[in-house]
Amino acid sequence: RGKVLVKMNVARAALDGVIALLPSMKAPTVNELFGGEGYAVETVVPKAQINVLIPTLKDAGATDIIELPLSKIVH
């Protein structure tokens, strides 16, 4: 409860800066995009932080940001 999944694309040059901004349960998932033009990054963050986090991520170079509600988290 109180958490959302956030997904985004990040250019190679901006990856370290974006990762440094992300709160996460353990560590963000990072996958290389087809064609090697950057990365898809996803992580679970507190819902209370997302409205401030999204503009900060955009400023750091994240694009195509998606916020998804979570119905259940199983550890």
PDB file of N, CA and C in Angstrom:
ATOM      1  N   ARG A   1       0.826  -1.200   0.000  1.00  0.00           N
ATOM      2  CA  ARG A   1       0.000   0.000   0.000  1.00  0.00           C
ATOM      3  C   ARG A   1       0.854   1.240   0.000  1.00  0.00           C
ATOM      4  N   GLY A   2       0.346   2.262  -0.656  1.00  0.00           N
ATOM      5  CA  GLY A   2       1.057   3.527  -0.659  1.00  0.00           C
ATOM      6  C   GLY A   2       2.263   3.561  -1.562  1.00  0.00           C
ATOM      7  N   LYS A   3       2.344   2.602  -2.510  1.00  0.00           N
ATOM      8  CA  LYS A   3       3.478   2.570  -3.425  1.00  0.00           C
ATOM      9  C   LYS A   3       2.963   2.483  -4.858  1.00  0.00           C
ATOM     10  N   VAL A   4       3.764   2.971  -5.794  1.00  0.00           N
ATOM     11  CA  VAL A   4       3.450   2.896  -7.216  1.00  0.00           C
ATOM     12  C   VAL A   4       4.679   2.386  -7.955  1.00  0.00           C
ATOM     13  N   LEU A   5       4.435   1.832  -9.137  1.00  0.00           N
ATOM     14  CA  LEU A   5       5.516   1.420 -10.021  1.00  0.00           C
ATOM     15  C   LEU A   5       5.785   2.562 -10.982  1.00  0.00           C
ATOM     16  N   VAL A   6       7.023   2.954 -11.122  1.00  0.00           N
ATOM     17  CA  VAL A   6       7.375   3.992 -12.082  1.00  0.00           C
ATOM     18  C   VAL A   6       8.357   3.390 -13.085  1.00  0.00           C
ATOM     19  N   LYS A   7       8.061   3.640 -14.372  1.00  0.00           N
ATOM     20  CA  LYS A   7       8.881   3.129 -15.465  1.00  0.00           C
ATOM     21  C   LYS A   7       9.295   4.313 -16.323  1.00  0.00           C
ATOM     22  N   MET A   8      10.476   4.235 -16.902  1.00  0.00           N
ATOM     23  CA  MET A   8      10.970   5.340 -17.722  1.00  0.00           C
ATOM     24  C   MET A   8      12.060   4.858 -18.650  1.00  0.00           C
ATOM     25  N   ASN A   9      12.350   5.647 -19.653  1.00  0.00           N
ATOM     26  CA  ASN A   9      13.503   5.425 -20.514  1.00  0.00           C
ATOM     27  C   ASN A   9      14.565   6.445 -20.148  1.00  0.00           C
ATOM     28  N   VAL A  10      15.819   6.014 -20.227  1.00  0.00           N
ATOM     29  CA  VAL A  10      16.929   6.885 -19.838  1.00  0.00           C
ATOM     30  C   VAL A  10      18.083   6.678 -20.807  1.00  0.00           C
ATOM     31  N   ALA A  11      18.627   7.769 -21.312  1.00  0.00           N
ATOM     32  CA  ALA A  11      19.814   7.690 -22.175  1.00  0.00           C
ATOM     33  C   ALA A  11      21.006   7.205 -21.356  1.00  0.00           C
ATOM     34  N   ARG A  12      21.933   6.561 -22.029  1.00  0.00           N
ATOM     35  CA  ARG A  12      23.121   6.019 -21.373  1.00  0.00           C
ATOM     36  C   ARG A  12      23.843   7.082 -20.528  1.00  0.00           C
ATOM     37  N   ALA A  13      23.980   8.278 -21.069  1.00  0.00           N
ATOM     38  CA  ALA A  13      24.718   9.343 -20.374  1.00  0.00           C
ATOM     39  C   ALA A  13      24.021   9.815 -19.099  1.00  0.00           C
ATOM     40  N   ALA A  14      22.713   9.648 -19.013  1.00  0.00           N
ATOM     41  CA  ALA A  14      21.955  10.135 -17.857  1.00  0.00           C
ATOM     42  C   ALA A  14      21.659   9.041 -16.836  1.00  0.00           C
ATOM     43  N   LEU A  15      22.009   7.791 -17.121  1.00  0.00           N
ATOM     44  CA  LEU A  15      21.593   6.666 -16.291  1.00  0.00           C
ATOM     45  C   LEU A  15      22.037   6.788 -14.833  1.00  0.00           C
ATOM     46  N   ASP A  16      23.297   7.035 -14.576  1.00  0.00           N
ATOM     47  CA  ASP A  16      23.778   7.104 -13.194  1.00  0.00           C
ATOM     48  C   ASP A  16      23.073   8.203 -12.399  1.00  0.00           C
ATOM     49  N   GLY A  17      22.845   9.348 -13.024  1.00  0.00           N
ATOM     50  CA  GLY A  17      22.168  10.447 -12.345  1.00  0.00           C
ATOM     51  C   GLY A  17      20.731  10.126 -12.010  1.00  0.00           C
ATOM     52  N   VAL A  18      20.028   9.463 -12.919  1.00  0.00           N
ATOM     53  CA  VAL A  18      18.637   9.087 -12.677  1.00  0.00           C
ATOM     54  C   VAL A  18      18.561   8.018 -11.583  1.00  0.00           C
ATOM     55  N   ILE A  19      19.419   7.012 -11.650  1.00  0.00           N
ATOM     56  CA  ILE A  19      19.422   5.948 -10.640  1.00  0.00           C
ATOM     57  C   ILE A  19      19.665   6.532  -9.249  1.00  0.00           C
ATOM     58  N   ALA A  20      20.528   7.516  -9.149  1.00  0.00           N
ATOM     59  CA  ALA A  20      20.829   8.126  -7.852  1.00  0.00           C
ATOM     60  C   ALA A  20      19.603   8.804  -7.237  1.00  0.00           C
ATOM     61  N   LEU A  21      18.645   9.202  -8.045  1.00  0.00           N
ATOM     62  CA  LEU A  21      17.440   9.888  -7.565  1.00  0.00           C
ATOM     63  C   LEU A  21      16.337   8.930  -7.113  1.00  0.00           C
ATOM     64  N   LEU A  22      16.446   7.662  -7.490  1.00  0.00           N
ATOM     65  CA  LEU A  22      15.351   6.732  -7.292  1.00  0.00           C
ATOM     66  C   LEU A  22      15.369   6.039  -5.943  1.00  0.00           C
ATOM     67  N   PRO A  23      14.328   6.266  -5.152  1.00  0.00           N
ATOM     68  CA  PRO A  23      14.150   5.398  -3.990  1.00  0.00           C
ATOM     69  C   PRO A  23      13.650   4.065  -4.536  1.00  0.00           C
ATOM     70  N   SER A  24      13.994   2.970  -3.920  1.00  0.00           N
ATOM     71  CA  SER A  24      13.481   1.680  -4.387  1.00  0.00           C
ATOM     72  C   SER A  24      13.439   0.694  -3.236  1.00  0.00           C
ATOM     73  N   MET A  25      12.679  -0.364  -3.414  1.00  0.00           N
ATOM     74  CA  MET A  25      12.560  -1.370  -2.370  1.00  0.00           C
ATOM     75  C   MET A  25      13.893  -2.096  -2.175  1.00  0.00           C
ATOM     76  N   LYS A  26      14.550  -2.453  -3.242  1.00  0.00           N
ATOM     77  CA  LYS A  26      15.870  -3.080  -3.180  1.00  0.00           C
ATOM     78  C   LYS A  26      16.806  -2.348  -4.126  1.00  0.00           C
ATOM     79  N   ALA A  27      16.548  -2.491  -5.414  1.00  0.00           N
ATOM     80  CA  ALA A  27      17.321  -1.804  -6.447  1.00  0.00           C
ATOM     81  C   ALA A  27      16.435  -1.704  -7.681  1.00  0.00           C
ATOM     82  N   PRO A  28      16.588  -0.666  -8.475  1.00  0.00           N
ATOM     83  CA  PRO A  28      15.771  -0.546  -9.680  1.00  0.00           C
ATOM     84  C   PRO A  28      16.147  -1.619 -10.702  1.00  0.00           C
ATOM     85  N   THR A  29      15.185  -1.979 -11.531  1.00  0.00           N
ATOM     86  CA  THR A  29      15.436  -2.879 -12.650  1.00  0.00           C
ATOM     87  C   THR A  29      15.859  -2.031 -13.834  1.00  0.00           C
ATOM     88  N   VAL A  30      16.956  -2.416 -14.473  1.00  0.00           N
ATOM     89  CA  VAL A  30      17.491  -1.677 -15.610  1.00  0.00           C
ATOM     90  C   VAL A  30      17.706  -2.661 -16.754  1.00  0.00           C
ATOM     91  N   ASN A  31      17.087  -2.382 -17.900  1.00  0.00           N
ATOM     92  CA  ASN A  31      17.235  -3.214 -19.094  1.00  0.00           C
ATOM     93  C   ASN A  31      17.644  -2.349 -20.271  1.00  0.00           C
ATOM     94  N   GLU A  32      18.546  -2.852 -21.087  1.00  0.00           N
ATOM     95  CA  GLU A  32      18.971  -2.109 -22.270  1.00  0.00           C
ATOM     96  C   GLU A  32      17.838  -2.100 -23.298  1.00  0.00           C
ATOM     97  N   LEU A  33      17.590  -0.955 -23.898  1.00  0.00           N
ATOM     98  CA  LEU A  33      16.573  -0.837 -24.936  1.00  0.00           C
ATOM     99  C   LEU A  33      17.076  -1.472 -26.231  1.00  0.00           C
ATOM    100  N   PHE A  34      16.164  -1.967 -27.036  1.00  0.00           N
ATOM    101  CA  PHE A  34      16.502  -2.529 -28.329  1.00  0.00           C
ATOM    102  C   PHE A  34      17.235  -1.482 -29.155  1.00  0.00           C
ATOM    103  N   GLY A  35      18.321  -1.856 -29.741  1.00  0.00           N
ATOM    104  CA  GLY A  35      19.110  -0.915 -30.530  1.00  0.00           C
ATOM    105  C   GLY A  35      20.189  -0.230 -29.718  1.00  0.00           C
ATOM    106  N   GLY A  36      20.215  -0.471 -28.398  1.00  0.00           N
ATOM    107  CA  GLY A  36      21.273   0.075 -27.556  1.00  0.00           C
ATOM    108  C   GLY A  36      21.251   1.578 -27.366  1.00  0.00           C
ATOM    109  N   GLU A  37      20.081   2.202 -27.531  1.00  0.00           N
ATOM    110  CA  GLU A  37      20.009   3.660 -27.449  1.00  0.00           C
ATOM    111  C   GLU A  37      19.673   4.177 -26.057  1.00  0.00           C
ATOM    112  N   GLY A  38      19.781   3.342 -25.061  1.00  0.00           N
ATOM    113  CA  GLY A  38      19.479   3.763 -23.702  1.00  0.00           C
ATOM    114  C   GLY A  38      18.941   2.596 -22.915  1.00  0.00           C
ATOM    115  N   TYR A  39      18.249   2.921 -21.825  1.00  0.00           N
ATOM    116  CA  TYR A  39      17.788   1.898 -20.896  1.00  0.00           C
ATOM    117  C   TYR A  39      16.342   2.124 -20.494  1.00  0.00           C
ATOM    118  N   ALA A  40      15.663   1.019 -20.193  1.00  0.00           N
ATOM    119  CA  ALA A  40      14.356   1.058 -19.554  1.00  0.00           C
ATOM    120  C   ALA A  40      14.611   0.816 -18.075  1.00  0.00           C
ATOM    121  N   VAL A  41      14.086   1.697 -17.235  1.00  0.00           N
ATOM    122  CA  VAL A  41      14.303   1.617 -15.794  1.00  0.00           C
ATOM    123  C   VAL A  41      12.943   1.536 -15.121  1.00  0.00           C
ATOM    124  N   GLU A  42      12.823   0.648 -14.137  1.00  0.00           N
ATOM    125  CA  GLU A  42      11.577   0.583 -13.371  1.00  0.00           C
ATOM    126  C   GLU A  42      11.888   0.305 -11.915  1.00  0.00           C
ATOM    127  N   THR A  43      11.040   0.862 -11.056  1.00  0.00           N
ATOM    128  CA  THR A  43      11.198   0.665  -9.620  1.00  0.00           C
ATOM    129  C   THR A  43       9.893   0.990  -8.905  1.00  0.00           C
ATOM    130  N   VAL A  44       9.789   0.561  -7.681  1.00  0.00           N
ATOM    131  CA  VAL A  44       8.625   0.849  -6.840  1.00  0.00           C
ATOM    132  C   VAL A  44       9.005   1.988  -5.896  1.00  0.00           C
ATOM    133  N   VAL A  45       8.158   3.012  -5.858  1.00  0.00           N
ATOM    134  CA  VAL A  45       8.439   4.183  -5.026  1.00  0.00           C
ATOM    135  C   VAL A  45       7.210   4.541  -4.193  1.00  0.00           C
ATOM    136  N   PRO A  46       7.408   5.254  -3.090  1.00  0.00           N
ATOM    137  CA  PRO A  46       6.264   5.705  -2.291  1.00  0.00           C
ATOM    138  C   PRO A  46       5.368   6.650  -3.103  1.00  0.00           C
ATOM    139  N   LYS A  47       4.073   6.403  -3.067  1.00  0.00           N
ATOM    140  CA  LYS A  47       3.120   7.227  -3.812  1.00  0.00           C
ATOM    141  C   LYS A  47       3.189   8.691  -3.396  1.00  0.00           C
ATOM    142  N   ALA A  48       3.480   8.941  -2.138  1.00  0.00           N
ATOM    143  CA  ALA A  48       3.549  10.313  -1.632  1.00  0.00           C
ATOM    144  C   ALA A  48       4.685  11.114  -2.270  1.00  0.00           C
ATOM    145  N   GLN A  49       5.682  10.450  -2.831  1.00  0.00           N
ATOM    146  CA  GLN A  49       6.845  11.138  -3.419  1.00  0.00           C
ATOM    147  C   GLN A  49       6.742  11.327  -4.930  1.00  0.00           C
ATOM    148  N   ILE A  50       5.818  10.630  -5.586  1.00  0.00           N
ATOM    149  CA  ILE A  50       5.839  10.563  -7.044  1.00  0.00           C
ATOM    150  C   ILE A  50       5.611  11.908  -7.729  1.00  0.00           C
ATOM    151  N   ASN A  51       4.761  12.768  -7.184  1.00  0.00           N
ATOM    152  CA  ASN A  51       4.492  14.053  -7.848  1.00  0.00           C
ATOM    153  C   ASN A  51       5.702  14.976  -7.856  1.00  0.00           C
ATOM    154  N   VAL A  52       6.562  14.847  -6.888  1.00  0.00           N
ATOM    155  CA  VAL A  52       7.806  15.629  -6.863  1.00  0.00           C
ATOM    156  C   VAL A  52       8.896  14.901  -7.639  1.00  0.00           C
ATOM    157  N   LEU A  53       8.874  13.572  -7.593  1.00  0.00           N
ATOM    158  CA  LEU A  53       9.915  12.776  -8.227  1.00  0.00           C
ATOM    159  C   LEU A  53       9.874  12.860  -9.748  1.00  0.00           C
ATOM    160  N   ILE A  54       8.702  12.842 -10.353  1.00  0.00           N
ATOM    161  CA  ILE A  54       8.606  12.849 -11.813  1.00  0.00           C
ATOM    162  C   ILE A  54       9.279  14.069 -12.434  1.00  0.00           C
ATOM    163  N   PRO A  55       9.011  15.301 -12.001  1.00  0.00           N
ATOM    164  CA  PRO A  55       9.713  16.437 -12.598  1.00  0.00           C
ATOM    165  C   PRO A  55      11.232  16.369 -12.377  1.00  0.00           C
ATOM    166  N   THR A  56      11.640  15.854 -11.228  1.00  0.00           N
ATOM    167  CA  THR A  56      13.067  15.723 -10.938  1.00  0.00           C
ATOM    168  C   THR A  56      13.712  14.718 -11.888  1.00  0.00           C
ATOM    169  N   LEU A  57      13.021  13.613 -12.146  1.00  0.00           N
ATOM    170  CA  LEU A  57      13.532  12.619 -13.092  1.00  0.00           C
ATOM    171  C   LEU A  57      13.623  13.188 -14.502  1.00  0.00           C
ATOM    172  N   LYS A  58      12.600  13.944 -14.908  1.00  0.00           N
ATOM    173  CA  LYS A  58      12.634  14.583 -16.234  1.00  0.00           C
ATOM    174  C   LYS A  58      13.829  15.519 -16.353  1.00  0.00           C
ATOM    175  N   ASP A  59      14.056  16.318 -15.327  1.00  0.00           N
ATOM    176  CA  ASP A  59      15.191  17.245 -15.339  1.00  0.00           C
ATOM    177  C   ASP A  59      16.527  16.511 -15.414  1.00  0.00           C
ATOM    178  N   ALA A  60      16.573  15.283 -14.890  1.00  0.00           N
ATOM    179  CA  ALA A  60      17.806  14.496 -14.898  1.00  0.00           C
ATOM    180  C   ALA A  60      17.989  13.721 -16.202  1.00  0.00           C
ATOM    181  N   GLY A  61      16.975  13.748 -17.081  1.00  0.00           N
ATOM    182  CA  GLY A  61      17.121  13.106 -18.382  1.00  0.00           C
ATOM    183  C   GLY A  61      16.201  11.933 -18.647  1.00  0.00           C
ATOM    184  N   ALA A  62      15.324  11.578 -17.717  1.00  0.00           N
ATOM    185  CA  ALA A  62      14.377  10.487 -17.952  1.00  0.00           C
ATOM    186  C   ALA A  62      13.286  10.950 -18.914  1.00  0.00           C
ATOM    187  N   THR A  63      12.825  10.034 -19.778  1.00  0.00           N
ATOM    188  CA  THR A  63      11.745  10.338 -20.721  1.00  0.00           C
ATOM    189  C   THR A  63      10.718   9.213 -20.648  1.00  0.00           C
ATOM    190  N   ASP A  64       9.573   9.443 -21.274  1.00  0.00           N
ATOM    191  CA  ASP A  64       8.531   8.416 -21.374  1.00  0.00           C
ATOM    192  C   ASP A  64       8.194   7.819 -20.008  1.00  0.00           C
ATOM    193  N   ILE A  65       8.006   8.659 -19.022  1.00  0.00           N
ATOM    194  CA  ILE A  65       7.770   8.215 -17.643  1.00  0.00           C
ATOM    195  C   ILE A  65       6.327   7.747 -17.489  1.00  0.00           C
ATOM    196  N   ILE A  66       6.167   6.559 -16.895  1.00  0.00           N
ATOM    197  CA  ILE A  66       4.854   5.971 -16.661  1.00  0.00           C
ATOM    198  C   ILE A  66       4.722   5.652 -15.178  1.00  0.00           C
ATOM    199  N   GLU A  67       3.608   6.027 -14.594  1.00  0.00           N
ATOM    200  CA  GLU A  67       3.289   5.677 -13.208  1.00  0.00           C
ATOM    201  C   GLU A  67       2.134   4.682 -13.227  1.00  0.00           C
ATOM    202  N   LEU A  68       2.315   3.554 -12.542  1.00  0.00           N
ATOM    203  CA  LEU A  68       1.292   2.517 -12.511  1.00  0.00           C
ATOM    204  C   LEU A  68       0.924   2.190 -11.063  1.00  0.00           C
ATOM    205  N   PRO A  69      -0.364   2.064 -10.770  1.00  0.00           N
ATOM    206  CA  PRO A  69      -0.767   1.674  -9.410  1.00  0.00           C
ATOM    207  C   PRO A  69      -0.414   0.207  -9.165  1.00  0.00           C
ATOM    208  N   LEU A  70      -0.193  -0.128  -7.921  1.00  0.00           N
ATOM    209  CA  LEU A  70       0.090  -1.515  -7.523  1.00  0.00           C
ATOM    210  C   LEU A  70      -1.035  -2.014  -6.644  1.00  0.00           C
ATOM    211  N   SER A  71      -1.500  -3.196  -6.901  1.00  0.00           N
ATOM    212  CA  SER A  71      -2.549  -3.753  -6.055  1.00  0.00           C
ATOM    213  C   SER A  71      -1.977  -4.669  -4.972  1.00  0.00           C
ATOM    214  N   LYS A  72      -0.772  -5.216  -5.202  1.00  0.00           N
ATOM    215  CA  LYS A  72      -0.205  -6.132  -4.243  1.00  0.00           C
ATOM    216  C   LYS A  72       1.305  -6.205  -4.446  1.00  0.00           C
ATOM    217  N   ILE A  73       2.038  -6.289  -3.345  1.00  0.00           N
ATOM    218  CA  ILE A  73       3.476  -6.531  -3.364  1.00  0.00           C
ATOM    219  C   ILE A  73       3.735  -7.745  -2.494  1.00  0.00           C
ATOM    220  N   VAL A  74       4.361  -8.749  -3.059  1.00  0.00           N
ATOM    221  CA  VAL A  74       4.685  -9.964  -2.323  1.00  0.00           C
ATOM    222  C   VAL A  74       6.197 -10.050  -2.192  1.00  0.00           C
ATOM    223  N   HIS A  75       6.703 -10.092  -0.961  1.00  0.00           N
ATOM    224  CA  HIS A  75       8.149 -10.152  -0.733  1.00  0.00           C
ATOM    225  C   HIS A  75       8.623 -11.574  -0.744  1.00  0.00           C
TER     226      HIS A  75
END
